[in-house]
Protein backbone atom coordinates (compact mmCIF):
# COMPACT_ATOMS: atom_id res chain seq x y z
CA ALA A 1 47.38 -20.02 39.85
CA VAL A 2 44.69 -20.18 42.49
CA ALA A 3 46.79 -20.17 45.68
CA TYR A 4 50.18 -19.39 47.14
CA CYS A 5 52.01 -21.78 49.52
CA ILE A 6 53.77 -19.79 52.24
CA GLU A 7 56.24 -22.58 53.09
CA CYS A 8 57.10 -23.47 49.48
CA GLU A 9 57.06 -19.79 48.48
CA GLY A 10 55.37 -20.75 45.24
CA TYR A 11 52.09 -20.35 43.38
CA LEU A 12 49.85 -23.40 42.94
CA CYS A 13 47.35 -24.27 40.19
CA LYS A 14 43.95 -25.70 41.16
CA PHE A 15 45.11 -29.30 40.70
CA CYS A 16 48.38 -28.80 42.66
CA GLU A 17 46.61 -26.86 45.40
CA GLY A 18 44.20 -29.76 45.84
CA LYS A 19 47.05 -32.31 46.11
CA HIS A 20 49.51 -30.07 47.95
CA GLY A 21 48.25 -30.64 51.49
CA THR A 22 47.79 -34.39 51.01
CA ARG A 23 51.46 -35.22 50.51
CA ARG A 24 53.47 -36.06 53.59
CA ILE A 25 56.09 -33.39 52.84
CA SER A 26 53.47 -30.64 52.56
CA ALA A 27 50.82 -31.83 55.02
CA ASP A 28 51.41 -28.92 57.40
CA HIS A 29 51.87 -26.21 54.75
CA SER A 30 49.67 -23.11 54.78
CA SER A 31 48.33 -21.70 51.52
CA ILE A 32 46.59 -18.42 50.74
CA THR A 33 44.13 -18.03 47.90
CA ILE A 34 44.94 -15.53 45.18
CA GLY A 35 41.59 -13.86 45.93
CA ASP A 36 42.62 -13.26 49.56
CA ILE A 37 45.97 -11.85 48.45
CA ALA A 38 44.24 -9.57 45.90
CA ALA A 39 41.71 -8.46 48.54
CA LYS A 40 44.64 -7.85 50.91
CA ALA A 41 43.03 -10.19 53.43
CA TYR A 42 46.58 -11.18 54.42
CA THR A 43 49.02 -8.51 55.49
CA PRO A 44 52.79 -8.95 55.70
CA THR A 45 52.56 -9.30 59.49
CA SER A 46 49.75 -11.88 59.39
CA MET A 47 51.58 -13.88 56.72
CA GLY A 48 54.61 -13.99 59.00
CA LYS A 49 56.69 -16.79 57.49
CA PHE A 50 56.09 -15.50 53.95
CA TYR A 51 58.21 -12.44 54.69
CA GLN A 52 60.94 -14.08 56.76
CA PRO A 53 64.30 -14.32 55.02
CA GLN A 54 65.38 -17.91 54.44
CA MET A 55 68.73 -19.53 53.93
CA LEU A 56 69.22 -20.66 50.36
CA CYS A 57 70.65 -23.93 49.12
CA GLN A 58 74.31 -23.78 48.08
CA GLN A 59 73.69 -26.18 45.19
CA HIS A 60 70.31 -24.81 44.00
CA LYS A 61 70.84 -21.12 44.66
CA ALA A 62 67.22 -19.96 44.33
CA HIS A 63 65.73 -22.67 46.57
CA PRO A 64 65.28 -22.18 50.33
CA LEU A 65 66.54 -24.79 52.77
CA ASP A 66 63.16 -25.98 54.03
CA THR A 67 63.36 -29.77 54.21
CA TYR A 68 65.16 -32.08 56.62
CA CYS A 69 66.48 -35.44 55.42
CA GLN A 70 66.41 -37.75 58.42
CA LYS A 71 68.58 -40.38 56.73
CA CYS A 72 71.36 -37.92 55.87
CA GLN A 73 70.63 -35.74 58.92
CA LYS A 74 70.90 -32.47 57.04
CA VAL A 75 68.73 -29.57 55.87
CA ILE A 76 68.08 -29.57 52.11
CA CYS A 77 65.90 -27.80 49.55
CA MET A 78 63.01 -29.31 47.56
CA ALA A 79 65.25 -29.66 44.47
CA CYS A 80 67.81 -31.62 46.51
CA MET A 81 65.00 -33.86 47.75
CA ASN A 82 63.71 -34.47 44.21
CA PHE A 83 67.12 -35.13 42.64
CA ASP A 84 69.67 -36.16 45.26
CA HIS A 85 67.44 -37.76 47.93
CA ASP A 86 64.77 -39.27 45.67
CA LYS A 87 65.61 -42.85 46.70
CA HIS A 88 64.73 -42.07 50.33
CA ARG A 89 62.40 -39.11 49.96
CA GLU A 90 59.97 -40.69 52.46
CA GLU A 91 62.55 -39.83 55.11
CA CYS A 92 62.46 -36.13 54.12
CA LYS A 93 60.15 -33.81 56.05
CA HIS A 94 59.50 -30.09 56.09
CA ILE A 95 61.76 -28.49 58.72
CA GLU A 96 58.82 -26.97 60.59
CA ARG A 97 57.25 -30.40 60.99
CA VAL A 98 60.57 -31.83 62.19
CA ALA A 99 60.93 -28.94 64.63
CA LYS A 100 57.38 -29.49 65.90
CA GLU A 101 58.00 -33.23 66.36
CA GLU A 102 61.27 -32.58 68.18
CA ILE A 103 59.58 -30.04 70.46
CA GLU A 104 56.81 -32.56 71.21
CA SER A 105 59.42 -35.23 71.89
CA LEU A 106 61.24 -32.93 74.30
CA GLN A 107 57.97 -31.93 75.96
CA ALA A 108 57.40 -35.61 76.74
CA TYR A 109 60.43 -35.36 79.03
CA GLN A 110 59.26 -32.11 80.63
CA GLY A 111 57.87 -33.83 83.74
CA ASP A 112 61.07 -35.82 84.22
CA ILE A 113 63.15 -32.69 83.73
CA GLU A 114 61.03 -30.72 86.20
CA THR A 115 61.36 -33.56 88.73
CA ALA A 116 65.14 -33.66 88.20
CA VAL A 117 65.38 -29.87 88.57
CA ALA A 118 63.33 -30.01 91.79
CA SER A 119 65.62 -32.78 93.12
CA LEU A 120 68.68 -30.74 92.22
CA ASP A 121 67.19 -27.65 93.90
CA THR A 122 66.62 -29.73 97.06
CA ALA A 123 70.18 -31.11 96.92
CA ILE A 124 71.60 -27.60 96.43
CA ALA A 125 69.57 -26.28 99.40
CA LYS A 126 70.77 -29.21 101.55
CA CYS A 127 74.40 -28.54 100.54
CA LYS A 128 74.03 -24.86 101.43
CA GLU A 129 72.45 -25.79 104.78
CA THR A 130 75.31 -28.22 105.48
CA MET A 131 77.84 -25.51 104.55
CA GLU A 132 76.23 -23.18 107.10
CA GLU A 133 76.35 -25.94 109.73
CA VAL A 134 80.05 -26.54 108.95
CA GLU A 135 80.75 -22.81 109.37
CA GLU A 136 78.86 -22.74 112.70
CA ARG A 137 80.75 -25.83 113.90
CA LYS A 138 84.07 -24.27 112.84
CA THR A 139 83.26 -21.18 114.92
CA GLU A 140 82.42 -23.39 117.91
CA VAL A 141 85.66 -25.39 117.52
CA ASP A 142 87.69 -22.19 117.10
CA SER A 143 86.18 -20.86 120.32
CA ALA A 144 86.84 -24.14 122.16
CA ILE A 145 90.46 -24.16 120.94
CA THR A 146 90.91 -20.52 121.99
CA ASN A 147 89.44 -21.28 125.45
CA SER A 148 91.59 -24.41 125.83
CA LEU A 149 94.70 -22.54 124.78
CA GLU A 150 93.92 -19.69 127.20
CA GLN A 151 93.40 -22.16 130.07
CA ALA A 152 96.65 -23.95 129.15
CA ARG A 153 98.48 -20.59 128.96
CA LYS A 154 97.21 -19.58 132.41
CA ALA A 155 98.14 -22.98 133.86
CA LEU A 156 101.64 -22.77 132.34
CA LEU A 157 102.09 -19.20 133.61
CA THR A 158 100.98 -20.29 137.10
CA GLN A 159 103.29 -23.32 136.96
CA ASN A 160 106.16 -21.14 135.69
CA GLU A 161 105.57 -18.65 138.51
CA ALA A 162 105.56 -21.47 141.08
CA ILE A 163 108.83 -22.87 139.67
CA ARG A 164 110.37 -19.37 139.65
CA PHE A 165 109.28 -18.74 143.25
CA SER A 166 110.63 -22.13 144.39
CA LYS A 167 113.98 -21.67 142.59
CA ARG A 168 114.31 -18.08 143.80
CA ALA A 169 113.64 -19.08 147.40
CA GLY A 170 116.29 -21.85 147.14
CA LEU A 171 118.80 -19.49 145.52
CA GLU A 172 118.11 -16.75 148.09
CA ALA A 173 118.76 -19.31 150.86
CA GLN A 174 122.05 -20.29 149.17
CA VAL A 175 123.03 -16.63 148.76
CA ASP A 176 122.27 -16.03 152.50
CA GLN A 177 124.31 -19.09 153.49
CA LEU A 178 127.22 -18.18 151.20
CA GLN A 179 127.07 -14.58 152.47
CA ARG A 180 127.34 -15.84 156.05
CA VAL A 181 130.29 -18.08 155.13
CA ARG A 182 131.96 -15.12 153.33
CA ASP A 183 131.26 -12.81 156.26
CA GLY A 184 132.67 -15.45 158.62
CA LEU A 185 135.83 -15.84 156.49
CA SER A 186 136.25 -12.11 156.22
CA PHE A 187 135.92 -11.72 159.99
CA ALA A 188 138.37 -14.58 160.63
CA PHE A 189 140.85 -13.08 158.12
CA SER A 190 140.53 -9.68 159.74
CA MET A 191 141.38 -11.23 163.13
CA ILE A 192 144.49 -12.86 161.84
CA ALA A 193 145.78 -9.95 160.02
């Protein structure tokens, strides 16, 4: 072995190491020479992915799930690709490459998304402004209704007082007239008796 592939988690001979990066499935793989490992040129933190735990294939227990089959739309291991997906292996890619392509695809929409977010922010601000205007208008209408009701109340009280005064004056005149008639009858009765 002359190298170690971090993504495949396997040692490579000189021939395989030379071909490894040329295949579509391994084009973005990183390898470390055995000399660099022996010289401790790579530490666990600089090797990063090498020391990350990986999910293992349910069918091929020792193999990590590191490949994505676009036709089947599922994550598989290299053994699955070689045996179960061999008829469409050109549609299988390393999951990191798929992730990178998906991120790039999403980044293509970043400008549109930012524009949409800005439009939504503007719409939200306009809605909030309109809500404030509605609240202000409600306060104005409440005040106008209160003023109108107070004016109507005063007018009704004044009208009621005028009606009461008019009725009372009429009734007082009737009481005075009836009192005079009664007094006259009482006087006439007292003369007869």
